[in-house]
Every structure is written in C-alpha cells, then in structure tokens.
Amino acid sequence: MKARYLKLNHLRFIDALKRRGKLSLAAEEMNISQPAASRTLADIEGIVGQQICSRNAHGFLFNEFGNVLAARASRVVAEVENIGRDVREVADGLRGRVRIGAVTAAAVAHVLPASLALRTLAPNAQLQVDVEPSLTLMQRMRAGEYDFVLARLSAADDPGAYDVRPIGEEVLSFAVREKHPLADRTQLSFRDLSPFEWVIQPAGSPIWTTVVDAFRSERADFPERITYSASVLLTLATVSRTDAIAPFAREVANLLTAEDLSARIVTLDMARGVSVPAYNVILEKGVLLSPLAQRFLSLIEAEITRPIP
C-alpha cells in the first residue's frame, strides 16, 4: 500500500465522491470531466493497491477500506481549507465563521453582549452560538464542532486535553409569576418552597444537583410535583401560567424579570444564596483559533471581567 503517495487532489476527489455518491456530481464539484474523474478514481486505486468503492444502481458504494480512506481524506481536506480560511482572515481579521456553545447563563451574561460588539466590529462575520447543557456542549466539542465553549467539563472529558479558564459561580434565582402566593414574602427557606410544583433542568444537571443539596441542607422535603425540562421557553410558559417555581441563573432571571420583556415574572426573596459550581471557557489544547474566533474570545473575556451591575 502506498497511500502516502496520494496527492491533495486525490484526497479532494475521494471526499467529494464519498459525499456526493455519484461520479458525475464529484466531477462537477472538482470542475473536471467525467472521463477525468474515472481516471482519477483508477489512479487512486492503483496507488493504494486495492478497490475502494463499487458502482451500484444508486451510485458508488464505499467498502470498509474506502470508508477509512474517505474519513481521513475529509479531515485532511478540512484542515487545508482551514489554512486558506486563516490566511484570508489574517488579511483583514474581520471575516470568517465562529462556532461556539454556551450554557444559558453564560450565553446571556457574556456571549450576548460580546456578539453585539462583534457585529459592530465585523458585520460580515458568521456567528453560530448554540445554547445547550454542558454535557451536550462537551460531546459536540469532542466531535470538533466548536471553536470553544462556555460550559463545564463532563466525566467523559480528559482535563489534560483542554485549556480550561474558570469564569465563576452561577448564582441561582427562583422565578415565579407575579401573583404567586410566595411573591410578596421575604427571607424564604426551602421548606417554604417544598409544597409547590417545580420546573427544573433534568436530574443530574448542575442546577438540579445544587437545588437538591439546598433542600437536603435545610432538611426540607424535596418537591413531589416536578416537570423536568432544559427548555427556557417551556419553563417560562409554565411559570407564567401556574404556581410553579423555576430555578434560573441570576443573569437569566434578570432578563426574564426585565420590564421591557413584560413576562410578569418575579424572583423570590430567599434567606440564603445558592450557587452552582463555576463554569469555564474551554478550548482544545494545541488548536489554533482563527483570528475572528480569537477576536470573539477576547470580547467574551472582556465581558467576563466586567463588574456585574
């Protein structure tokens, strides 16, 4: 096998044929004729010393060896395209695509203001921000979908593989509708909150764990009527229509209780504060961020260090 003698155009062709499934479509993507595409496939199989795919009624079907080769070709082609991307972005520093993920509190407190600043500096930038629980974000981080995330490492993550920059604790507020029976009371304990229905993130999530510990520390009964949901929209709808209580990060609660949102949501006056352990800015070690991603990260870190109003 002499796969090391494959050229970049060979790898591009393998990637195109695997994705498109038909020789004509791969030839079109490569901007070559169909006979030239057939010769390219023959050249590739001659170099590697075996067949990598076969034709069927629907196009080309890759065999096990071909699938391995196509997966590696896809990575190489992506890295080469990233080189071109970085060179272009270095020229002006204001174009390209940034893909990040964030837990809800970080998205509201840090990513939102930073994204508004980025829009002013780089109006043509493509920005993707996914708001998900940390477990989902880290799964997608491991899959290479993000430049960086604002989240917490999961048990499946190797801390040595990441550059982890702590942000701070996530202070919780407890949201209810304006006319909730507890809305006008002060110095509430978790015993006071036990009889009511709750809407909370799924069991095992950091917020769920923190709330469970808070009830346990006061020897209060954990609520019996609970709806588990990670959806902020569903949680807000439930709280606004029932006497349910929902824990939110302070930054999210401040947004939901703002007058201009008119959600008619208030937060309870608790006798003691409750905080979720710190989340972090997480980057993969050894991966060079694009100039635009680095610019966005700098804007986010500036928001992190900004004093909370």
C-alpha atoms as a PDB file:
ATOM      1  CA  MET A   1       0.000   0.000   0.000  1.00  0.00           C
ATOM      2  CA  LYS A   2       1.365   3.399  -0.992  1.00  0.00           C
ATOM      3  CA  ALA A   3      -1.365   5.705   0.326  1.00  0.00           C
ATOM      4  CA  ARG A   4       1.315   8.228   1.301  1.00  0.00           C
ATOM      5  CA  TYR A   5       1.785   8.963  -2.397  1.00  0.00           C
ATOM      6  CA  LEU A   6      -1.764  10.266  -2.754  1.00  0.00           C
ATOM      7  CA  LYS A   7      -1.913  13.922  -3.764  1.00  0.00           C
ATOM      8  CA  LEU A   8      -4.207  16.599  -2.372  1.00  0.00           C
ATOM      9  CA  ASN A   9      -6.421  16.464  -5.467  1.00  0.00           C
ATOM     10  CA  HIS A  10      -6.801  12.717  -4.936  1.00  0.00           C
ATOM     11  CA  LEU A  11      -7.980  13.348  -1.374  1.00  0.00           C
ATOM     12  CA  ARG A  12     -10.356  16.077  -2.544  1.00  0.00           C
ATOM     13  CA  PHE A  13     -11.811  13.673  -5.092  1.00  0.00           C
ATOM     14  CA  ILE A  14     -12.270  10.870  -2.519  1.00  0.00           C
ATOM     15  CA  ASP A  15     -14.024  13.308  -0.202  1.00  0.00           C
ATOM     16  CA  ALA A  16     -16.272  14.615  -2.981  1.00  0.00           C
ATOM     17  CA  LEU A  17     -17.196  11.137  -4.232  1.00  0.00           C
ATOM     18  CA  LYS A  18     -17.980   9.931  -0.727  1.00  0.00           C
ATOM     19  CA  ARG A  19     -20.208  12.922  -0.003  1.00  0.00           C
ATOM     20  CA  ARG A  20     -21.928  13.188  -3.392  1.00  0.00           C
ATOM     21  CA  GLY A  21     -22.208   9.456  -4.137  1.00  0.00           C
ATOM     22  CA  LYS A  22     -22.066   9.803  -7.911  1.00  0.00           C
ATOM     23  CA  LEU A  23     -19.141  10.195 -10.267  1.00  0.00           C
ATOM     24  CA  SER A  24     -20.826  12.969 -12.251  1.00  0.00           C
ATOM     25  CA  LEU A  25     -21.514  15.025  -9.131  1.00  0.00           C
ATOM     26  CA  ALA A  26     -17.980  14.544  -7.803  1.00  0.00           C
ATOM     27  CA  ALA A  27     -16.601  15.577 -11.229  1.00  0.00           C
ATOM     28  CA  GLU A  28     -18.809  18.669 -11.202  1.00  0.00           C
ATOM     29  CA  GLU A  29     -17.586  19.635  -7.719  1.00  0.00           C
ATOM     30  CA  MET A  30     -13.971  19.109  -8.772  1.00  0.00           C
ATOM     31  CA  ASN A  31     -14.573  21.013 -12.039  1.00  0.00           C
ATOM     32  CA  ILE A  32     -13.291  18.130 -14.190  1.00  0.00           C
ATOM     33  CA  SER A  33     -14.863  15.975 -16.889  1.00  0.00           C
ATOM     34  CA  GLN A  34     -16.454  12.629 -16.090  1.00  0.00           C
ATOM     35  CA  PRO A  35     -13.755  10.679 -18.001  1.00  0.00           C
ATOM     36  CA  ALA A  36     -11.128  12.574 -15.996  1.00  0.00           C
ATOM     37  CA  ALA A  37     -12.972  11.620 -12.813  1.00  0.00           C
ATOM     38  CA  SER A  38     -12.908   7.955 -13.848  1.00  0.00           C
ATOM     39  CA  ARG A  39      -9.167   8.174 -14.453  1.00  0.00           C
ATOM     40  CA  THR A  40      -8.666   9.851 -11.073  1.00  0.00           C
ATOM     41  CA  LEU A  41     -10.514   7.024  -9.310  1.00  0.00           C
ATOM     42  CA  ALA A  42      -8.413   4.469 -11.193  1.00  0.00           C
ATOM     43  CA  ASP A  43      -5.220   6.336 -10.258  1.00  0.00           C
ATOM     44  CA  ILE A  44      -6.226   6.345  -6.570  1.00  0.00           C
ATOM     45  CA  GLU A  45      -6.978   2.624  -6.515  1.00  0.00           C
ATOM     46  CA  GLY A  46      -3.710   1.960  -8.338  1.00  0.00           C
ATOM     47  CA  ILE A  47      -1.732   3.901  -5.749  1.00  0.00           C
ATOM     48  CA  VAL A  48      -3.373   2.290  -2.711  1.00  0.00           C
ATOM     49  CA  GLY A  49      -3.327  -1.127  -4.338  1.00  0.00           C
ATOM     50  CA  GLN A  50      -6.956  -2.068  -3.937  1.00  0.00           C
ATOM     51  CA  GLN A  51     -10.527  -1.138  -4.781  1.00  0.00           C
ATOM     52  CA  ILE A  52     -12.099   1.459  -2.505  1.00  0.00           C
ATOM     53  CA  CYS A  53     -15.654   1.517  -3.885  1.00  0.00           C
ATOM     54  CA  SER A  54     -18.001  -0.144  -6.318  1.00  0.00           C
ATOM     55  CA  ARG A  55     -20.784   1.090  -8.554  1.00  0.00           C
ATOM     56  CA  ASN A  56     -24.404   0.137  -7.911  1.00  0.00           C
ATOM     57  CA  ALA A  57     -27.783   1.322  -9.169  1.00  0.00           C
ATOM     58  CA  HIS A  58     -27.695   4.400  -6.971  1.00  0.00           C
ATOM     59  CA  GLY A  59     -24.083   5.472  -7.483  1.00  0.00           C
ATOM     60  CA  PHE A  60     -20.889   4.453  -5.710  1.00  0.00           C
ATOM     61  CA  LEU A  61     -20.731   2.387  -2.530  1.00  0.00           C
ATOM     62  CA  PHE A  62     -17.514   2.630  -0.497  1.00  0.00           C
ATOM     63  CA  ASN A  63     -16.139  -0.553   1.045  1.00  0.00           C
ATOM     64  CA  GLU A  64     -14.612  -0.748   4.526  1.00  0.00           C
ATOM     65  CA  PHE A  65     -11.166   0.275   3.299  1.00  0.00           C
ATOM     66  CA  GLY A  66     -12.653   3.117   1.275  1.00  0.00           C
ATOM     67  CA  ASN A  67     -14.611   4.406   4.267  1.00  0.00           C
ATOM     68  CA  VAL A  68     -11.421   4.624   6.327  1.00  0.00           C
ATOM     69  CA  LEU A  69      -9.641   6.404   3.481  1.00  0.00           C
ATOM     70  CA  ALA A  70     -12.579   8.782   2.933  1.00  0.00           C
ATOM     71  CA  ALA A  71     -12.750   9.694   6.625  1.00  0.00           C
ATOM     72  CA  ARG A  72      -9.053  10.573   6.660  1.00  0.00           C
ATOM     73  CA  ALA A  73      -9.348  12.449   3.347  1.00  0.00           C
ATOM     74  CA  SER A  74     -12.222  14.512   4.745  1.00  0.00           C
ATOM     75  CA  ARG A  75     -10.091  15.585   7.715  1.00  0.00           C
ATOM     76  CA  VAL A  76      -7.125  16.499   5.534  1.00  0.00           C
ATOM     77  CA  VAL A  77      -9.277  18.490   3.107  1.00  0.00           C
ATOM     78  CA  ALA A  78     -10.925  20.310   6.028  1.00  0.00           C
ATOM     79  CA  GLU A  79      -7.530  21.215   7.501  1.00  0.00           C
ATOM     80  CA  VAL A  80      -6.288  22.507   4.133  1.00  0.00           C
ATOM     81  CA  GLU A  81      -9.439  24.611   3.790  1.00  0.00           C
ATOM     82  CA  ASN A  82      -8.810  25.922   7.297  1.00  0.00           C
ATOM     83  CA  ILE A  83      -5.354  27.055   6.171  1.00  0.00           C
ATOM     84  CA  GLY A  84      -6.952  29.039   3.371  1.00  0.00           C
ATOM     85  CA  ARG A  85      -9.516  30.436   5.784  1.00  0.00           C
ATOM     86  CA  ASP A  86      -6.872  31.558   8.244  1.00  0.00           C
ATOM     87  CA  VAL A  87      -4.796  33.216   5.525  1.00  0.00           C
ATOM     88  CA  ARG A  88      -7.805  35.151   4.261  1.00  0.00           C
ATOM     89  CA  GLU A  89      -8.830  36.199   7.755  1.00  0.00           C
ATOM     90  CA  VAL A  90      -5.303  37.314   8.606  1.00  0.00           C
ATOM     91  CA  ALA A  91      -5.573  39.710   5.673  1.00  0.00           C
ATOM     92  CA  ASP A  92      -8.409  41.683   7.274  1.00  0.00           C
ATOM     93  CA  GLY A  93      -9.124  39.941  10.593  1.00  0.00           C
ATOM     94  CA  LEU A  94     -12.831  40.617  10.253  1.00  0.00           C
ATOM     95  CA  ARG A  95     -14.294  37.823   8.143  1.00  0.00           C
ATOM     96  CA  GLY A  96     -14.991  34.162   8.639  1.00  0.00           C
ATOM     97  CA  ARG A  97     -17.091  31.929  10.827  1.00  0.00           C
ATOM     98  CA  VAL A  98     -17.075  31.381  14.568  1.00  0.00           C
ATOM     99  CA  ARG A  99     -18.860  28.415  16.132  1.00  0.00           C
ATOM    100  CA  ILE A 100     -19.269  28.282  19.901  1.00  0.00           C
ATOM    101  CA  GLY A 101     -21.554  26.742  22.501  1.00  0.00           C
ATOM    102  CA  ALA A 102     -22.599  28.078  25.894  1.00  0.00           C
ATOM    103  CA  VAL A 103     -24.733  27.200  28.880  1.00  0.00           C
ATOM    104  CA  THR A 104     -27.712  29.526  29.277  1.00  0.00           C
ATOM    105  CA  ALA A 105     -26.249  31.777  31.974  1.00  0.00           C
ATOM    106  CA  ALA A 106     -23.006  32.315  30.064  1.00  0.00           C
ATOM    107  CA  ALA A 107     -24.911  32.960  26.836  1.00  0.00           C
ATOM    108  CA  VAL A 108     -26.976  35.720  28.436  1.00  0.00           C
ATOM    109  CA  ALA A 109     -24.289  37.272  30.622  1.00  0.00           C
ATOM    110  CA  HIS A 110     -21.230  37.112  28.359  1.00  0.00           C
ATOM    111  CA  VAL A 111     -21.907  35.825  24.843  1.00  0.00           C
ATOM    112  CA  LEU A 112     -24.823  38.138  24.027  1.00  0.00           C
ATOM    113  CA  PRO A 113     -23.035  41.443  24.755  1.00  0.00           C
ATOM    114  CA  ALA A 114     -19.840  40.154  23.121  1.00  0.00           C
ATOM    115  CA  SER A 115     -21.771  39.157  19.978  1.00  0.00           C
ATOM    116  CA  LEU A 116     -23.284  42.643  19.743  1.00  0.00           C
ATOM    117  CA  ALA A 117     -19.780  44.118  19.976  1.00  0.00           C
ATOM    118  CA  LEU A 118     -18.531  41.695  17.319  1.00  0.00           C
ATOM    119  CA  ARG A 119     -21.334  42.714  14.959  1.00  0.00           C
ATOM    120  CA  THR A 120     -20.152  46.306  15.224  1.00  0.00           C
ATOM    121  CA  LEU A 121     -16.536  45.362  14.511  1.00  0.00           C
ATOM    122  CA  ALA A 122     -17.171  42.648  11.939  1.00  0.00           C
ATOM    123  CA  PRO A 123     -20.617  42.987  10.335  1.00  0.00           C
ATOM    124  CA  ASN A 124     -19.865  40.251   7.783  1.00  0.00           C
ATOM    125  CA  ALA A 125     -18.794  37.647  10.329  1.00  0.00           C
ATOM    126  CA  GLN A 126     -20.803  34.427  10.548  1.00  0.00           C
ATOM    127  CA  LEU A 127     -21.566  33.647  14.170  1.00  0.00           C
ATOM    128  CA  GLN A 128     -23.096  30.397  15.434  1.00  0.00           C
ATOM    129  CA  VAL A 129     -23.991  30.189  19.128  1.00  0.00           C
ATOM    130  CA  ASP A 130     -25.638  27.021  20.457  1.00  0.00           C
ATOM    131  CA  VAL A 131     -27.193  27.174  23.927  1.00  0.00           C
ATOM    132  CA  GLU A 132     -27.234  23.692  25.465  1.00  0.00           C
ATOM    133  CA  PRO A 133     -26.436  21.881  28.744  1.00  0.00           C
ATOM    134  CA  SER A 134     -22.736  21.277  29.399  1.00  0.00           C
ATOM    135  CA  LEU A 135     -22.985  17.541  28.661  1.00  0.00           C
ATOM    136  CA  THR A 136     -24.264  18.207  25.133  1.00  0.00           C
ATOM    137  CA  LEU A 137     -21.781  21.004  24.529  1.00  0.00           C
ATOM    138  CA  MET A 138     -18.800  18.869  25.515  1.00  0.00           C
ATOM    139  CA  GLN A 139     -19.992  15.970  23.358  1.00  0.00           C
ATOM    140  CA  ARG A 140     -20.077  18.325  20.378  1.00  0.00           C
ATOM    141  CA  MET A 141     -16.781  19.897  21.413  1.00  0.00           C
ATOM    142  CA  ARG A 142     -15.142  16.461  21.288  1.00  0.00           C
ATOM    143  CA  ALA A 143     -16.645  15.996  17.820  1.00  0.00           C
ATOM    144  CA  GLY A 144     -14.849  19.155  16.655  1.00  0.00           C
ATOM    145  CA  GLU A 145     -17.995  21.228  16.123  1.00  0.00           C
ATOM    146  CA  TYR A 146     -16.926  24.274  18.171  1.00  0.00           C
ATOM    147  CA  ASP A 147     -14.044  26.727  18.327  1.00  0.00           C
ATOM    148  CA  PHE A 148     -14.614  26.927  22.084  1.00  0.00           C
ATOM    149  CA  VAL A 149     -17.416  26.561  24.619  1.00  0.00           C
ATOM    150  CA  LEU A 150     -18.547  28.156  27.865  1.00  0.00           C
ATOM    151  CA  ALA A 151     -19.500  25.122  29.906  1.00  0.00           C
ATOM    152  CA  ARG A 152     -18.361  22.565  32.457  1.00  0.00           C
ATOM    153  CA  LEU A 153     -16.215  19.511  31.772  1.00  0.00           C
ATOM    154  CA  SER A 154     -18.129  16.248  31.958  1.00  0.00           C
ATOM    155  CA  ALA A 155     -16.952  12.975  33.487  1.00  0.00           C
ATOM    156  CA  ALA A 156     -16.118  11.743  29.969  1.00  0.00           C
ATOM    157  CA  ASP A 157     -13.664  14.574  29.299  1.00  0.00           C
ATOM    158  CA  ASP A 158      -9.914  14.419  29.809  1.00  0.00           C
ATOM    159  CA  PRO A 159      -8.998  17.663  31.629  1.00  0.00           C
ATOM    160  CA  GLY A 160      -5.488  17.432  30.181  1.00  0.00           C
ATOM    161  CA  ALA A 161      -6.850  17.752  26.655  1.00  0.00           C
ATOM    162  CA  TYR A 162      -8.319  21.207  27.232  1.00  0.00           C
ATOM    163  CA  ASP A 163      -7.350  24.731  28.156  1.00  0.00           C
ATOM    164  CA  VAL A 164      -9.863  25.423  30.944  1.00  0.00           C
ATOM    165  CA  ARG A 165     -10.323  29.028  32.080  1.00  0.00           C
ATOM    166  CA  PRO A 166     -12.676  29.357  35.092  1.00  0.00           C
ATOM    167  CA  ILE A 167     -15.339  32.056  34.896  1.00  0.00           C
ATOM    168  CA  GLY A 168     -17.080  31.957  38.244  1.00  0.00           C
ATOM    169  CA  GLU A 169     -20.015  30.568  40.166  1.00  0.00           C
ATOM    170  CA  GLU A 170     -23.520  30.608  38.720  1.00  0.00           C
ATOM    171  CA  VAL A 171     -25.778  32.283  41.313  1.00  0.00           C
ATOM    172  CA  LEU A 172     -29.342  30.951  41.244  1.00  0.00           C
ATOM    173  CA  SER A 173     -32.595  32.899  41.446  1.00  0.00           C
ATOM    174  CA  PHE A 174     -36.021  31.316  41.837  1.00  0.00           C
ATOM    175  CA  ALA A 175     -38.632  32.634  39.438  1.00  0.00           C
ATOM    176  CA  VAL A 176     -42.409  32.695  39.874  1.00  0.00           C
ATOM    177  CA  ARG A 177     -45.347  34.578  38.365  1.00  0.00           C
ATOM    178  CA  GLU A 178     -46.186  37.991  39.813  1.00  0.00           C
ATOM    179  CA  LYS A 179     -49.257  36.716  41.687  1.00  0.00           C
ATOM    180  CA  HIS A 180     -47.606  33.637  43.140  1.00  0.00           C
ATOM    181  CA  PRO A 181     -48.507  33.022  46.833  1.00  0.00           C
ATOM    182  CA  LEU A 182     -44.838  33.472  47.818  1.00  0.00           C
ATOM    183  CA  ALA A 183     -44.121  36.513  45.643  1.00  0.00           C
ATOM    184  CA  ASP A 184     -44.536  39.099  48.418  1.00  0.00           C
ATOM    185  CA  ARG A 185     -42.849  37.143  51.202  1.00  0.00           C
ATOM    186  CA  THR A 186     -39.249  37.706  52.314  1.00  0.00           C
ATOM    187  CA  GLN A 187     -36.438  35.578  53.725  1.00  0.00           C
ATOM    188  CA  LEU A 188     -37.940  32.378  52.377  1.00  0.00           C
ATOM    189  CA  SER A 189     -36.488  28.993  53.249  1.00  0.00           C
ATOM    190  CA  PHE A 190     -36.532  25.883  51.081  1.00  0.00           C
ATOM    191  CA  ARG A 191     -39.113  24.433  53.458  1.00  0.00           C
ATOM    192  CA  ASP A 192     -41.426  27.229  52.238  1.00  0.00           C
ATOM    193  CA  LEU A 193     -40.828  26.150  48.634  1.00  0.00           C
ATOM    194  CA  SER A 194     -41.433  22.405  49.131  1.00  0.00           C
ATOM    195  CA  PRO A 195     -45.257  22.318  48.678  1.00  0.00           C
ATOM    196  CA  PHE A 196     -45.225  23.931  45.233  1.00  0.00           C
ATOM    197  CA  GLU A 197     -44.823  22.491  41.763  1.00  0.00           C
ATOM    198  CA  TRP A 198     -41.373  22.957  40.181  1.00  0.00           C
ATOM    199  CA  VAL A 199     -39.929  23.158  36.689  1.00  0.00           C
ATOM    200  CA  ILE A 200     -36.245  22.280  36.732  1.00  0.00           C
ATOM    201  CA  GLN A 201     -33.472  21.024  34.489  1.00  0.00           C
ATOM    202  CA  PRO A 202     -33.133  17.226  34.156  1.00  0.00           C
ATOM    203  CA  ALA A 203     -31.844  15.143  37.055  1.00  0.00           C
ATOM    204  CA  GLY A 204     -28.059  15.123  37.202  1.00  0.00           C
ATOM    205  CA  SER A 205     -27.667  18.617  35.755  1.00  0.00           C
ATOM    206  CA  PRO A 206     -25.648  21.140  37.829  1.00  0.00           C
ATOM    207  CA  ILE A 207     -28.725  23.229  38.701  1.00  0.00           C
ATOM    208  CA  TRP A 208     -30.711  20.130  39.718  1.00  0.00           C
ATOM    209  CA  THR A 209     -27.843  18.906  41.897  1.00  0.00           C
ATOM    210  CA  THR A 210     -27.466  22.307  43.566  1.00  0.00           C
ATOM    211  CA  VAL A 211     -31.190  22.567  44.335  1.00  0.00           C
ATOM    212  CA  VAL A 212     -31.278  19.016  45.732  1.00  0.00           C
ATOM    213  CA  ASP A 213     -28.340  19.872  48.009  1.00  0.00           C
ATOM    214  CA  ALA A 214     -30.088  23.069  49.148  1.00  0.00           C
ATOM    215  CA  PHE A 215     -33.224  21.168  50.214  1.00  0.00           C
ATOM    216  CA  ARG A 216     -31.098  18.495  51.881  1.00  0.00           C
ATOM    217  CA  SER A 217     -29.018  21.069  53.811  1.00  0.00           C
ATOM    218  CA  GLU A 218     -32.211  22.517  55.328  1.00  0.00           C
ATOM    219  CA  ARG A 219     -33.699  19.048  55.884  1.00  0.00           C
ATOM    220  CA  ALA A 220     -36.643  20.154  53.789  1.00  0.00           C
ATOM    221  CA  ASP A 221     -38.775  17.776  51.746  1.00  0.00           C
ATOM    222  CA  PHE A 222     -37.848  17.774  48.066  1.00  0.00           C
ATOM    223  CA  PRO A 223     -40.861  18.800  45.921  1.00  0.00           C
ATOM    224  CA  GLU A 224     -43.040  15.924  44.743  1.00  0.00           C
ATOM    225  CA  ARG A 225     -44.529  17.646  41.684  1.00  0.00           C
ATOM    226  CA  ILE A 226     -41.699  18.321  39.215  1.00  0.00           C
ATOM    227  CA  THR A 227     -41.525  18.874  35.486  1.00  0.00           C
ATOM    228  CA  TYR A 228     -38.031  18.235  34.144  1.00  0.00           C
ATOM    229  CA  SER A 229     -37.063  20.364  31.159  1.00  0.00           C
ATOM    230  CA  ALA A 230     -33.977  22.122  29.826  1.00  0.00           C
ATOM    231  CA  SER A 231     -36.152  24.419  27.687  1.00  0.00           C
ATOM    232  CA  VAL A 232     -36.181  28.016  28.927  1.00  0.00           C
ATOM    233  CA  LEU A 233     -39.248  28.745  26.786  1.00  0.00           C
ATOM    234  CA  LEU A 234     -41.272  25.829  28.197  1.00  0.00           C
ATOM    235  CA  THR A 235     -40.159  26.700  31.725  1.00  0.00           C
ATOM    236  CA  LEU A 236     -41.147  30.346  31.293  1.00  0.00           C
ATOM    237  CA  ALA A 237     -44.545  29.373  29.857  1.00  0.00           C
ATOM    238  CA  THR A 238     -45.226  27.020  32.775  1.00  0.00           C
ATOM    239  CA  VAL A 239     -44.168  29.505  35.437  1.00  0.00           C
ATOM    240  CA  SER A 240     -46.241  32.323  33.930  1.00  0.00           C
ATOM    241  CA  ARG A 241     -49.418  30.173  33.901  1.00  0.00           C
ATOM    242  CA  THR A 242     -49.143  28.218  37.151  1.00  0.00           C
ATOM    243  CA  ASP A 243     -47.778  28.451  40.686  1.00  0.00           C
ATOM    244  CA  ALA A 244     -44.675  26.545  39.646  1.00  0.00           C
ATOM    245  CA  ILE A 245     -41.210  27.622  40.808  1.00  0.00           C
ATOM    246  CA  ALA A 246     -38.208  27.514  38.460  1.00  0.00           C
ATOM    247  CA  PRO A 247     -34.516  27.987  39.280  1.00  0.00           C
ATOM    248  CA  PHE A 248     -32.584  30.127  36.805  1.00  0.00           C
ATOM    249  CA  ALA A 249     -29.089  31.536  36.735  1.00  0.00           C
ATOM    250  CA  ARG A 250     -29.239  35.101  38.072  1.00  0.00           C
ATOM    251  CA  GLU A 251     -28.405  36.605  34.678  1.00  0.00           C
ATOM    252  CA  VAL A 252     -31.246  34.714  33.011  1.00  0.00           C
ATOM    253  CA  ALA A 253     -33.671  35.643  35.795  1.00  0.00           C
ATOM    254  CA  ASN A 254     -32.717  39.310  35.438  1.00  0.00           C
ATOM    255  CA  LEU A 255     -33.549  39.104  31.736  1.00  0.00           C
ATOM    256  CA  LEU A 256     -36.893  37.385  32.332  1.00  0.00           C
ATOM    257  CA  THR A 257     -37.961  39.874  35.008  1.00  0.00           C
ATOM    258  CA  ALA A 258     -36.996  42.973  32.991  1.00  0.00           C
ATOM    259  CA  GLU A 259     -39.858  45.428  32.479  1.00  0.00           C
ATOM    260  CA  ASP A 260     -39.353  45.652  28.726  1.00  0.00           C
ATOM    261  CA  LEU A 261     -39.884  41.878  28.396  1.00  0.00           C
ATOM    262  CA  SER A 262     -43.319  42.107  30.084  1.00  0.00           C
ATOM    263  CA  ALA A 263     -43.163  38.479  31.158  1.00  0.00           C
ATOM    264  CA  ARG A 264     -44.733  39.294  34.565  1.00  0.00           C
ATOM    265  CA  ILE A 265     -42.152  37.150  36.304  1.00  0.00           C
ATOM    266  CA  VAL A 266     -40.537  37.951  39.658  1.00  0.00           C
ATOM    267  CA  THR A 267     -37.857  36.268  41.763  1.00  0.00           C
ATOM    268  CA  LEU A 268     -38.326  35.077  45.314  1.00  0.00           C
ATOM    269  CA  ASP A 269     -36.563  36.681  48.265  1.00  0.00           C
ATOM    270  CA  MET A 270     -34.544  33.818  49.725  1.00  0.00           C
ATOM    271  CA  ALA A 271     -32.976  33.756  53.188  1.00  0.00           C
ATOM    272  CA  ARG A 272     -29.710  32.457  51.742  1.00  0.00           C
ATOM    273  CA  GLY A 273     -27.981  32.398  48.398  1.00  0.00           C
ATOM    274  CA  VAL A 274     -27.404  29.263  46.344  1.00  0.00           C
ATOM    275  CA  SER A 275     -24.728  28.898  43.682  1.00  0.00           C
ATOM    276  CA  VAL A 276     -23.854  26.297  41.062  1.00  0.00           C
ATOM    277  CA  PRO A 277     -20.109  25.470  40.805  1.00  0.00           C
ATOM    278  CA  ALA A 278     -18.062  27.500  38.335  1.00  0.00           C
ATOM    279  CA  TYR A 279     -18.317  27.028  34.594  1.00  0.00           C
ATOM    280  CA  ASN A 280     -15.429  27.749  32.246  1.00  0.00           C
ATOM    281  CA  VAL A 281     -14.195  28.897  28.891  1.00  0.00           C
ATOM    282  CA  ILE A 282     -12.980  25.619  27.366  1.00  0.00           C
ATOM    283  CA  LEU A 283     -10.650  25.356  24.359  1.00  0.00           C
ATOM    284  CA  GLU A 284      -8.968  22.297  22.914  1.00  0.00           C
ATOM    285  CA  LYS A 285      -5.230  22.338  23.613  1.00  0.00           C
ATOM    286  CA  GLY A 286      -2.980  22.688  20.597  1.00  0.00           C
ATOM    287  CA  VAL A 287      -5.708  24.036  18.297  1.00  0.00           C
ATOM    288  CA  LEU A 288      -5.017  27.471  16.834  1.00  0.00           C
ATOM    289  CA  LEU A 289      -8.120  29.654  16.806  1.00  0.00           C
ATOM    290  CA  SER A 290      -8.858  31.644  13.668  1.00  0.00           C
ATOM    291  CA  PRO A 291      -8.245  35.403  14.005  1.00  0.00           C
ATOM    292  CA  LEU A 292     -12.000  36.017  14.138  1.00  0.00           C
ATOM    293  CA  ALA A 293     -12.580  33.334  16.790  1.00  0.00           C
ATOM    294  CA  GLN A 294      -9.716  34.806  18.827  1.00  0.00           C
ATOM    295  CA  ARG A 295     -11.278  38.264  18.491  1.00  0.00           C
ATOM    296  CA  PHE A 296     -14.645  36.948  19.697  1.00  0.00           C
ATOM    297  CA  LEU A 297     -12.999  35.122  22.606  1.00  0.00           C
ATOM    298  CA  SER A 298     -11.273  38.347  23.640  1.00  0.00           C
ATOM    299  CA  LEU A 299     -14.626  40.179  23.601  1.00  0.00           C
ATOM    300  CA  ILE A 300     -16.196  37.454  25.755  1.00  0.00           C
ATOM    301  CA  GLU A 301     -13.317  37.533  28.229  1.00  0.00           C
ATOM    302  CA  ALA A 302     -13.696  41.316  28.463  1.00  0.00           C
ATOM    303  CA  GLU A 303     -17.371  40.804  29.386  1.00  0.00           C
ATOM    304  CA  ILE A 304     -16.396  38.192  31.983  1.00  0.00           C
ATOM    305  CA  THR A 305     -14.105  40.650  33.760  1.00  0.00           C
ATOM    306  CA  ARG A 306     -16.676  43.465  33.607  1.00  0.00           C
ATOM    307  CA  PRO A 307     -18.227  44.189  37.034  1.00  0.00           C
ATOM    308  CA  ILE A 308     -21.810  42.904  37.426  1.00  0.00           C
ATOM    309  CA  PRO A 309     -24.265  45.840  37.696  1.00  0.00           C
END
